[in-house]
Full PDB file with SEQRES, HELIX, SHEET, SSBOND, CRYST1, ORIGX, SCALE, CONECT and MASTER records, all heavy atoms in Angstrom:
SEQRES   1 A   33  LYS PHE VAL PRO PRO VAL PHE ASP LEU LEU THR GLU ASN          
SEQRES   2 A   33  GLY PHE LEU ASN ILE GLY MET LYS GLU LEU THR LEU MET          
SEQRES   3 A   33  ASN LYS GLU ILE LYS ARG LEU                                  
HELIX    1 AA1 PHE A   15  ARG A   32  1                                  18    
CRYST1    1.000    1.000    1.000  90.00  90.00  90.00 P 1           1          
ORIGX1      1.000000  0.000000  0.000000        0.00000                         
ORIGX2      0.000000  1.000000  0.000000        0.00000                         
ORIGX3      0.000000  0.000000  1.000000        0.00000                         
SCALE1      1.000000  0.000000  0.000000        0.00000                         
SCALE2      0.000000  1.000000  0.000000        0.00000                         
SCALE3      0.000000  0.000000  1.000000        0.00000                         
ATOM      1  N   LYS A   1      -5.265  -2.420 -24.684  1.00  0.00           N  
ATOM      2  CA  LYS A   1      -4.209  -2.647 -25.678  1.00  0.00           C  
ATOM      3  C   LYS A   1      -2.923  -3.190 -25.057  1.00  0.00           C  
ATOM      4  O   LYS A   1      -2.100  -3.789 -25.746  1.00  0.00           O  
ATOM      5  CB  LYS A   1      -3.894  -1.370 -26.470  1.00  0.00           C  
ATOM      6  CG  LYS A   1      -3.201  -1.631 -27.818  1.00  0.00           C  
ATOM      7  CD  LYS A   1      -2.928  -0.316 -28.550  1.00  0.00           C  
ATOM      8  CE  LYS A   1      -2.319  -0.565 -29.915  1.00  0.00           C  
ATOM      9  NZ  LYS A   1      -3.295  -1.057 -30.892  1.00  0.00           N  
ATOM     10  N   PHE A   2      -2.714  -3.005 -23.755  1.00  0.00           N  
ATOM     11  CA  PHE A   2      -1.478  -3.429 -23.112  1.00  0.00           C  
ATOM     12  C   PHE A   2      -1.694  -4.691 -22.268  1.00  0.00           C  
ATOM     13  O   PHE A   2      -2.729  -4.837 -21.605  1.00  0.00           O  
ATOM     14  CB  PHE A   2      -0.943  -2.316 -22.200  1.00  0.00           C  
ATOM     15  CG  PHE A   2      -0.568  -1.062 -22.945  1.00  0.00           C  
ATOM     16  CD1 PHE A   2      -1.440   0.015 -22.997  1.00  0.00           C  
ATOM     17  CD2 PHE A   2       0.651  -0.965 -23.596  1.00  0.00           C  
ATOM     18  CE1 PHE A   2      -1.105   1.170 -23.693  1.00  0.00           C  
ATOM     19  CE2 PHE A   2       1.004   0.183 -24.287  1.00  0.00           C  
ATOM     20  CZ  PHE A   2       0.121   1.259 -24.332  1.00  0.00           C  
ATOM     21  N   VAL A   3      -0.696  -5.579 -22.274  1.00  0.00           N  
ATOM     22  CA  VAL A   3      -0.806  -6.795 -21.462  1.00  0.00           C  
ATOM     23  C   VAL A   3      -0.801  -6.423 -19.983  1.00  0.00           C  
ATOM     24  O   VAL A   3      -0.218  -5.400 -19.597  1.00  0.00           O  
ATOM     25  CB  VAL A   3       0.336  -7.785 -21.775  1.00  0.00           C  
ATOM     26  CG1 VAL A   3       0.343  -8.155 -23.239  1.00  0.00           C  
ATOM     27  CG2 VAL A   3       1.695  -7.224 -21.353  1.00  0.00           C  
ATOM     28  N   PRO A   4      -1.439  -7.209 -19.133  1.00  0.00           N  
ATOM     29  CA  PRO A   4      -1.502  -6.898 -17.704  1.00  0.00           C  
ATOM     30  C   PRO A   4      -0.185  -7.209 -17.011  1.00  0.00           C  
ATOM     31  O   PRO A   4       0.699  -7.873 -17.565  1.00  0.00           O  
ATOM     32  CB  PRO A   4      -2.610  -7.833 -17.210  1.00  0.00           C  
ATOM     33  CG  PRO A   4      -2.532  -9.007 -18.136  1.00  0.00           C  
ATOM     34  CD  PRO A   4      -2.168  -8.439 -19.484  1.00  0.00           C  
ATOM     35  N   PRO A   5      -0.027  -6.735 -15.779  1.00  0.00           N  
ATOM     36  CA  PRO A   5       1.167  -7.094 -15.006  1.00  0.00           C  
ATOM     37  C   PRO A   5       1.153  -8.572 -14.646  1.00  0.00           C  
ATOM     38  O   PRO A   5       0.093  -9.219 -14.663  1.00  0.00           O  
ATOM     39  CB  PRO A   5       1.061  -6.214 -13.753  1.00  0.00           C  
ATOM     40  CG  PRO A   5      -0.402  -5.936 -13.609  1.00  0.00           C  
ATOM     41  CD  PRO A   5      -0.937  -5.862 -15.013  1.00  0.00           C  
ATOM     42  N   VAL A   6       2.319  -9.113 -14.329  1.00  0.00           N  
ATOM     43  CA  VAL A   6       2.407 -10.507 -13.883  1.00  0.00           C  
ATOM     44  C   VAL A   6       1.608 -10.669 -12.592  1.00  0.00           C  
ATOM     45  O   VAL A   6       0.942 -11.681 -12.374  1.00  0.00           O  
ATOM     46  CB  VAL A   6       3.883 -10.912 -13.679  1.00  0.00           C  
ATOM     47  CG1 VAL A   6       3.992 -12.322 -13.106  1.00  0.00           C  
ATOM     48  CG2 VAL A   6       4.633 -10.822 -15.010  1.00  0.00           C  
ATOM     49  N   PHE A   7       1.668  -9.651 -11.732  1.00  0.00           N  
ATOM     50  CA  PHE A   7       0.819  -9.603 -10.541  1.00  0.00           C  
ATOM     51  C   PHE A   7       0.410  -8.162 -10.337  1.00  0.00           C  
ATOM     52  O   PHE A   7       1.254  -7.261 -10.371  1.00  0.00           O  
ATOM     53  CB  PHE A   7       1.565 -10.113  -9.302  1.00  0.00           C  
ATOM     54  CG  PHE A   7       0.778  -9.965  -8.028  1.00  0.00           C  
ATOM     55  CD1 PHE A   7      -0.278 -10.817  -7.753  1.00  0.00           C  
ATOM     56  CD2 PHE A   7       1.065  -8.951  -7.121  1.00  0.00           C  
ATOM     57  CE1 PHE A   7      -1.031 -10.666  -6.601  1.00  0.00           C  
ATOM     58  CE2 PHE A   7       0.321  -8.800  -5.960  1.00  0.00           C  
ATOM     59  CZ  PHE A   7      -0.735  -9.665  -5.700  1.00  0.00           C  
ATOM     60  N   ASP A   8      -0.878  -7.905 -10.130  1.00  0.00           N  
ATOM     61  CA  ASP A   8      -1.381  -6.549  -9.977  1.00  0.00           C  
ATOM     62  C   ASP A   8      -1.345  -6.137  -8.504  1.00  0.00           C  
ATOM     63  O   ASP A   8      -2.152  -6.592  -7.700  1.00  0.00           O  
ATOM     64  CB  ASP A   8      -2.804  -6.446 -10.519  1.00  0.00           C  
ATOM     65  CG  ASP A   8      -3.272  -4.996 -10.626  1.00  0.00           C  
ATOM     66  OD1 ASP A   8      -2.562  -4.102 -10.112  1.00  0.00           O  
ATOM     67  OD2 ASP A   8      -4.334  -4.755 -11.225  1.00  0.00           O  
ATOM     68  N   LEU A   9      -0.405  -5.246  -8.194  1.00  0.00           N  
ATOM     69  CA  LEU A   9      -0.252  -4.787  -6.815  1.00  0.00           C  
ATOM     70  C   LEU A   9      -1.308  -3.767  -6.409  1.00  0.00           C  
ATOM     71  O   LEU A   9      -1.466  -3.480  -5.223  1.00  0.00           O  
ATOM     72  CB  LEU A   9       1.136  -4.149  -6.637  1.00  0.00           C  
ATOM     73  CG  LEU A   9       2.332  -5.095  -6.661  1.00  0.00           C  
ATOM     74  CD1 LEU A   9       3.626  -4.293  -6.777  1.00  0.00           C  
ATOM     75  CD2 LEU A   9       2.363  -5.952  -5.409  1.00  0.00           C  
ATOM     76  N   LEU A  10      -2.011  -3.205  -7.380  1.00  0.00           N  
ATOM     77  CA  LEU A  10      -2.909  -2.090  -7.093  1.00  0.00           C  
ATOM     78  C   LEU A  10      -4.356  -2.505  -6.891  1.00  0.00           C  
ATOM     79  O   LEU A  10      -5.232  -1.653  -6.896  1.00  0.00           O  
ATOM     80  CB  LEU A  10      -2.824  -1.055  -8.222  1.00  0.00           C  
ATOM     81  CG  LEU A  10      -1.444  -0.440  -8.460  1.00  0.00           C  
ATOM     82  CD1 LEU A  10      -1.523   0.614  -9.557  1.00  0.00           C  
ATOM     83  CD2 LEU A  10      -0.891   0.168  -7.182  1.00  0.00           C  
ATOM     84  N   THR A  11      -4.615  -3.793  -6.711  1.00  0.00           N  
ATOM     85  CA  THR A  11      -5.989  -4.219  -6.479  1.00  0.00           C  
ATOM     86  C   THR A  11      -6.532  -3.579  -5.211  1.00  0.00           C  
ATOM     87  O   THR A  11      -5.842  -3.474  -4.191  1.00  0.00           O  
ATOM     88  CB  THR A  11      -6.083  -5.753  -6.342  1.00  0.00           C  
ATOM     89  OG1 THR A  11      -5.120  -6.189  -5.379  1.00  0.00           O  
ATOM     90  CG2 THR A  11      -5.803  -6.420  -7.670  1.00  0.00           C  
ATOM     91  N   GLU A  12      -7.781  -3.151  -5.285  1.00  0.00           N  
ATOM     92  CA  GLU A  12      -8.404  -2.468  -4.149  1.00  0.00           C  
ATOM     93  C   GLU A  12      -8.476  -3.403  -2.939  1.00  0.00           C  
ATOM     94  O   GLU A  12      -8.825  -4.574  -3.059  1.00  0.00           O  
ATOM     95  CB  GLU A  12      -9.810  -2.003  -4.532  1.00  0.00           C  
ATOM     96  CG  GLU A  12     -10.448  -1.098  -3.498  1.00  0.00           C  
ATOM     97  CD  GLU A  12     -11.791  -0.565  -3.955  1.00  0.00           C  
ATOM     98  OE1 GLU A  12     -12.187  -0.845  -5.111  1.00  0.00           O  
ATOM     99  OE2 GLU A  12     -12.436   0.119  -3.164  1.00  0.00           O  
ATOM    100  N   ASN A  13      -8.112  -2.872  -1.787  1.00  0.00           N  
ATOM    101  CA  ASN A  13      -8.078  -3.637  -0.533  1.00  0.00           C  
ATOM    102  C   ASN A  13      -7.083  -4.790  -0.582  1.00  0.00           C  
ATOM    103  O   ASN A  13      -7.185  -5.741   0.199  1.00  0.00           O  
ATOM    104  CB  ASN A  13      -9.477  -4.173  -0.183  1.00  0.00           C  
ATOM    105  CG  ASN A  13     -10.467  -3.058   0.075  1.00  0.00           C  
ATOM    106  OD1 ASN A  13     -10.119  -2.046   0.681  1.00  0.00           O  
ATOM    107  ND2 ASN A  13     -11.687  -3.218  -0.398  1.00  0.00           N  
ATOM    108  N   GLY A  14      -6.112  -4.706  -1.495  1.00  0.00           N  
ATOM    109  CA  GLY A  14      -5.064  -5.703  -1.551  1.00  0.00           C  
ATOM    110  C   GLY A  14      -4.086  -5.537  -0.401  1.00  0.00           C  
ATOM    111  O   GLY A  14      -4.071  -4.502   0.287  1.00  0.00           O  
ATOM    112  N   PHE A  15      -3.231  -6.536  -0.209  1.00  0.00           N  
ATOM    113  CA  PHE A  15      -2.321  -6.496   0.949  1.00  0.00           C  
ATOM    114  C   PHE A  15      -1.356  -5.321   0.869  1.00  0.00           C  
ATOM    115  O   PHE A  15      -0.941  -4.789   1.891  1.00  0.00           O  
ATOM    116  CB  PHE A  15      -1.562  -7.819   1.059  1.00  0.00           C  
ATOM    117  CG  PHE A  15      -0.473  -8.019   0.036  1.00  0.00           C  
ATOM    118  CD1 PHE A  15       0.801  -7.514   0.233  1.00  0.00           C  
ATOM    119  CD2 PHE A  15      -0.736  -8.719  -1.140  1.00  0.00           C  
ATOM    120  CE1 PHE A  15       1.797  -7.707  -0.707  1.00  0.00           C  
ATOM    121  CE2 PHE A  15       0.256  -8.908  -2.078  1.00  0.00           C  
ATOM    122  CZ  PHE A  15       1.521  -8.394  -1.868  1.00  0.00           C  
ATOM    123  N   LEU A  16      -0.994  -4.870  -0.346  1.00  0.00           N  
ATOM    124  CA  LEU A  16      -0.061  -3.750  -0.459  1.00  0.00           C  
ATOM    125  C   LEU A  16      -0.685  -2.469   0.059  1.00  0.00           C  
ATOM    126  O   LEU A  16      -0.048  -1.729   0.833  1.00  0.00           O  
ATOM    127  CB  LEU A  16       0.385  -3.568  -1.912  1.00  0.00           C  
ATOM    128  CG  LEU A  16       1.356  -2.396  -2.149  1.00  0.00           C  
ATOM    129  CD1 LEU A  16       2.638  -2.581  -1.348  1.00  0.00           C  
ATOM    130  CD2 LEU A  16       1.668  -2.227  -3.620  1.00  0.00           C  
ATOM    131  N   ASN A  17      -1.913  -2.195  -0.347  1.00  0.00           N  
ATOM    132  CA  ASN A  17      -2.578  -0.981   0.124  1.00  0.00           C  
ATOM    133  C   ASN A  17      -2.752  -0.994   1.634  1.00  0.00           C  
ATOM    134  O   ASN A  17      -2.545   0.019   2.309  1.00  0.00           O  
ATOM    135  CB  ASN A  17      -3.945  -0.829  -0.553  1.00  0.00           C  
ATOM    136  CG  ASN A  17      -3.827  -0.406  -1.998  1.00  0.00           C  
ATOM    137  OD1 ASN A  17      -2.835   0.210  -2.389  1.00  0.00           O  
ATOM    138  ND2 ASN A  17      -4.819  -0.731  -2.811  1.00  0.00           N  
ATOM    139  N   ILE A  18      -3.115  -2.156   2.164  1.00  0.00           N  
ATOM    140  CA  ILE A  18      -3.280  -2.274   3.629  1.00  0.00           C  
ATOM    141  C   ILE A  18      -1.936  -2.076   4.319  1.00  0.00           C  
ATOM    142  O   ILE A  18      -1.826  -1.356   5.321  1.00  0.00           O  
ATOM    143  CB  ILE A  18      -3.877  -3.651   3.986  1.00  0.00           C  
ATOM    144  CG1 ILE A  18      -5.303  -3.766   3.439  1.00  0.00           C  
ATOM    145  CG2 ILE A  18      -3.862  -3.874   5.492  1.00  0.00           C  
ATOM    146  CD1 ILE A  18      -5.909  -5.146   3.550  1.00  0.00           C  
ATOM    147  N   GLY A  19      -0.890  -2.712   3.778  1.00  0.00           N  
ATOM    148  CA  GLY A  19       0.439  -2.588   4.365  1.00  0.00           C  
ATOM    149  C   GLY A  19       0.978  -1.177   4.309  1.00  0.00           C  
ATOM    150  O   GLY A  19       1.630  -0.708   5.261  1.00  0.00           O  
ATOM    151  N   MET A  20       0.719  -0.467   3.225  1.00  0.00           N  
ATOM    152  CA  MET A  20       1.183   0.911   3.103  1.00  0.00           C  
ATOM    153  C   MET A  20       0.450   1.832   4.070  1.00  0.00           C  
ATOM    154  O   MET A  20       1.036   2.786   4.611  1.00  0.00           O  
ATOM    155  CB  MET A  20       1.002   1.401   1.665  1.00  0.00           C  
ATOM    156  CG  MET A  20       1.901   0.705   0.647  1.00  0.00           C  
ATOM    157  SD  MET A  20       3.674   0.845   1.047  1.00  0.00           S  
ATOM    158  CE  MET A  20       3.921   2.609   0.871  1.00  0.00           C  
ATOM    159  N   LYS A  21      -0.825   1.558   4.310  1.00  0.00           N  
ATOM    160  CA  LYS A  21      -1.578   2.351   5.289  1.00  0.00           C  
ATOM    161  C   LYS A  21      -0.994   2.164   6.694  1.00  0.00           C  
ATOM    162  O   LYS A  21      -0.900   3.119   7.474  1.00  0.00           O  
ATOM    163  CB  LYS A  21      -3.053   1.945   5.271  1.00  0.00           C  
ATOM    164  CG  LYS A  21      -3.802   2.419   4.036  1.00  0.00           C  
ATOM    165  CD  LYS A  21      -5.244   1.924   4.039  1.00  0.00           C  
ATOM    166  CE  LYS A  21      -5.965   2.366   2.769  1.00  0.00           C  
ATOM    167  NZ  LYS A  21      -7.365   1.836   2.721  1.00  0.00           N  
ATOM    168  N   GLU A  22      -0.591   0.940   6.998  1.00  0.00           N  
ATOM    169  CA  GLU A  22       0.023   0.669   8.302  1.00  0.00           C  
ATOM    170  C   GLU A  22       1.349   1.403   8.436  1.00  0.00           C  
ATOM    171  O   GLU A  22       1.667   1.950   9.505  1.00  0.00           O  
ATOM    172  CB  GLU A  22       0.218  -0.841   8.474  1.00  0.00           C  
ATOM    173  CG  GLU A  22      -1.097  -1.605   8.616  1.00  0.00           C  
ATOM    174  CD  GLU A  22      -0.898  -3.114   8.594  1.00  0.00           C  
ATOM    175  OE1 GLU A  22       0.238  -3.558   8.346  1.00  0.00           O  
ATOM    176  OE2 GLU A  22      -1.886  -3.842   8.833  1.00  0.00           O  
ATOM    177  N   LEU A  23       2.144   1.445   7.373  1.00  0.00           N  
ATOM    178  CA  LEU A  23       3.406   2.193   7.389  1.00  0.00           C  
ATOM    179  C   LEU A  23       3.153   3.687   7.580  1.00  0.00           C  
ATOM    180  O   LEU A  23       3.882   4.367   8.316  1.00  0.00           O  
ATOM    181  CB  LEU A  23       4.175   1.962   6.094  1.00  0.00           C  
ATOM    182  CG  LEU A  23       4.933   0.647   5.955  1.00  0.00           C  
ATOM    183  CD1 LEU A  23       5.548   0.542   4.563  1.00  0.00           C  
ATOM    184  CD2 LEU A  23       6.035   0.540   7.014  1.00  0.00           C  
ATOM    185  N   THR A  24       2.113   4.191   6.931  1.00  0.00           N  
ATOM    186  CA  THR A  24       1.770   5.607   7.060  1.00  0.00           C  
ATOM    187  C   THR A  24       1.411   5.953   8.499  1.00  0.00           C  
ATOM    188  O   THR A  24       1.826   6.995   9.030  1.00  0.00           O  
ATOM    189  CB  THR A  24       0.596   5.959   6.127  1.00  0.00           C  
ATOM    190  OG1 THR A  24       0.987   5.714   4.775  1.00  0.00           O  
ATOM    191  CG2 THR A  24       0.193   7.423   6.275  1.00  0.00           C  
ATOM    192  N   LEU A  25       0.649   5.071   9.152  1.00  0.00           N  
ATOM    193  CA  LEU A  25       0.277   5.297  10.552  1.00  0.00           C  
ATOM    194  C   LEU A  25       1.513   5.314  11.454  1.00  0.00           C  
ATOM    195  O   LEU A  25       1.611   6.131  12.377  1.00  0.00           O  
ATOM    196  CB  LEU A  25      -0.711   4.225  11.018  1.00  0.00           C  
ATOM    197  CG  LEU A  25      -2.123   4.285  10.404  1.00  0.00           C  
ATOM    198  CD1 LEU A  25      -2.952   3.091  10.869  1.00  0.00           C  
ATOM    199  CD2 LEU A  25      -2.816   5.593  10.805  1.00  0.00           C  
ATOM    200  N   MET A  26       2.458   4.401  11.194  1.00  0.00           N  
ATOM    201  CA  MET A  26       3.697   4.380  11.974  1.00  0.00           C  
ATOM    202  C   MET A  26       4.491   5.667  11.780  1.00  0.00           C  
ATOM    203  O   MET A  26       5.025   6.241  12.742  1.00  0.00           O  
ATOM    204  CB  MET A  26       4.553   3.175  11.565  1.00  0.00           C  
ATOM    205  CG  MET A  26       3.980   1.831  11.961  1.00  0.00           C  
ATOM    206  SD  MET A  26       5.101   0.481  11.457  1.00  0.00           S  
ATOM    207  CE  MET A  26       3.927  -0.860  11.296  1.00  0.00           C  
ATOM    208  N   ASN A  27       4.575   6.126  10.554  1.00  0.00           N  
ATOM    209  CA  ASN A  27       5.297   7.366  10.269  1.00  0.00           C  
ATOM    210  C   ASN A  27       4.668   8.554  10.977  1.00  0.00           C  
ATOM    211  O   ASN A  27       5.377   9.417  11.513  1.00  0.00           O  
ATOM    212  CB  ASN A  27       5.325   7.627   8.758  1.00  0.00           C  
ATOM    213  CG  ASN A  27       6.262   6.682   8.024  1.00  0.00           C  
ATOM    214  OD1 ASN A  27       7.238   6.205   8.582  1.00  0.00           O  
ATOM    215  ND2 ASN A  27       5.962   6.415   6.762  1.00  0.00           N  
ATOM    216  N   LYS A  28       3.340   8.608  10.967  1.00  0.00           N  
ATOM    217  CA  LYS A  28       2.643   9.698  11.650  1.00  0.00           C  
ATOM    218  C   LYS A  28       2.874   9.663  13.156  1.00  0.00           C  
ATOM    219  O   LYS A  28       3.064  10.705  13.797  1.00  0.00           O  
ATOM    220  CB  LYS A  28       1.138   9.624  11.356  1.00  0.00           C  
ATOM    221  CG  LYS A  28       0.769  10.031   9.930  1.00  0.00           C  
ATOM    222  CD  LYS A  28      -0.735   9.962   9.718  1.00  0.00           C  
ATOM    223  CE  LYS A  28      -1.106  10.429   8.308  1.00  0.00           C  
ATOM    224  NZ  LYS A  28      -2.585  10.341   8.083  1.00  0.00           N  
ATOM    225  N   GLU A  29       2.882   8.451  13.724  1.00  0.00           N  
ATOM    226  CA  GLU A  29       3.098   8.321  15.158  1.00  0.00           C  
ATOM    227  C   GLU A  29       4.525   8.714  15.532  1.00  0.00           C  
ATOM    228  O   GLU A  29       4.751   9.381  16.555  1.00  0.00           O  
ATOM    229  CB  GLU A  29       2.804   6.892  15.604  1.00  0.00           C  
ATOM    230  CG  GLU A  29       2.974   6.628  17.099  1.00  0.00           C  
ATOM    231  CD  GLU A  29       2.046   7.460  17.974  1.00  0.00           C  
ATOM    232  OE1 GLU A  29       1.126   8.106  17.441  1.00  0.00           O  
ATOM    233  OE2 GLU A  29       2.263   7.455  19.199  1.00  0.00           O  
ATOM    234  N   ILE A  30       5.494   8.320  14.716  1.00  0.00           N  
ATOM    235  CA  ILE A  30       6.890   8.713  14.963  1.00  0.00           C  
ATOM    236  C   ILE A  30       7.020  10.225  14.913  1.00  0.00           C  
ATOM    237  O   ILE A  30       7.682  10.837  15.776  1.00  0.00           O  
ATOM    238  CB  ILE A  30       7.826   8.047  13.927  1.00  0.00           C  
ATOM    239  CG1 ILE A  30       7.916   6.539  14.194  1.00  0.00           C  
ATOM    240  CG2 ILE A  30       9.228   8.672  13.970  1.00  0.00           C  
ATOM    241  CD1 ILE A  30       8.637   5.766  13.107  1.00  0.00           C  
ATOM    242  N   LYS A  31       6.401  10.858  13.931  1.00  0.00           N  
ATOM    243  CA  LYS A  31       6.459  12.318  13.808  1.00  0.00           C  
ATOM    244  C   LYS A  31       5.795  12.993  14.999  1.00  0.00           C  
ATOM    245  O   LYS A  31       6.302  14.003  15.537  1.00  0.00           O  
ATOM    246  CB  LYS A  31       5.769  12.764  12.517  1.00  0.00           C  
ATOM    247  CG  LYS A  31       5.883  14.260  12.241  1.00  0.00           C  
ATOM    248  CD  LYS A  31       5.219  14.634  10.935  1.00  0.00           C  
ATOM    249  CE  LYS A  31       5.427  16.120  10.622  1.00  0.00           C  
ATOM    250  NZ  LYS A  31       4.913  17.009  11.676  1.00  0.00           N  
ATOM    251  N   ARG A  32       4.668  12.432  15.449  1.00  0.00           N  
ATOM    252  CA  ARG A  32       3.970  13.022  16.599  1.00  0.00           C  
ATOM    253  C   ARG A  32       4.847  12.968  17.846  1.00  0.00           C  
ATOM    254  O   ARG A  32       4.948  13.956  18.598  1.00  0.00           O  
ATOM    255  CB  ARG A  32       2.654  12.270  16.848  1.00  0.00           C  
ATOM    256  CG  ARG A  32       1.776  12.896  17.934  1.00  0.00           C  
ATOM    257  CD  ARG A  32       0.606  11.999  18.272  1.00  0.00           C  
ATOM    258  NE  ARG A  32       1.036  10.804  19.001  1.00  0.00           N  
ATOM    259  CZ  ARG A  32       1.308  10.794  20.325  1.00  0.00           C  
ATOM    260  NH1 ARG A  32       1.221  11.902  21.050  1.00  0.00           N  
ATOM    261  NH2 ARG A  32       1.671   9.656  20.903  1.00  0.00           N  
ATOM    262  N   LEU A  33       5.483  11.820  18.088  1.00  0.00           N  
ATOM    263  CA  LEU A  33       6.343  11.668  19.259  1.00  0.00           C  
ATOM    264  C   LEU A  33       7.563  12.588  19.187  1.00  0.00           C  
ATOM    265  O   LEU A  33       8.012  13.119  20.203  1.00  0.00           O  
ATOM    266  CB  LEU A  33       6.787  10.210  19.399  1.00  0.00           C  
ATOM    267  CG  LEU A  33       5.667   9.211  19.745  1.00  0.00           C  
ATOM    268  CD1 LEU A  33       6.186   7.781  19.630  1.00  0.00           C  
ATOM    269  CD2 LEU A  33       5.133   9.473  21.146  1.00  0.00           C  
TER     270      LEU A  33                                                      
MASTER        0    0    0    1    0    0    0    6  269    1    0    3          
END                                                                             
């Protein structure tokens, strides 16, 4: 019933999900150090 987004950021294996995983790894490494 609702129109789609102009660009869907939540596509599986999209660049956003990959990029956020990389940020998460950096955050974990900073916390570990």
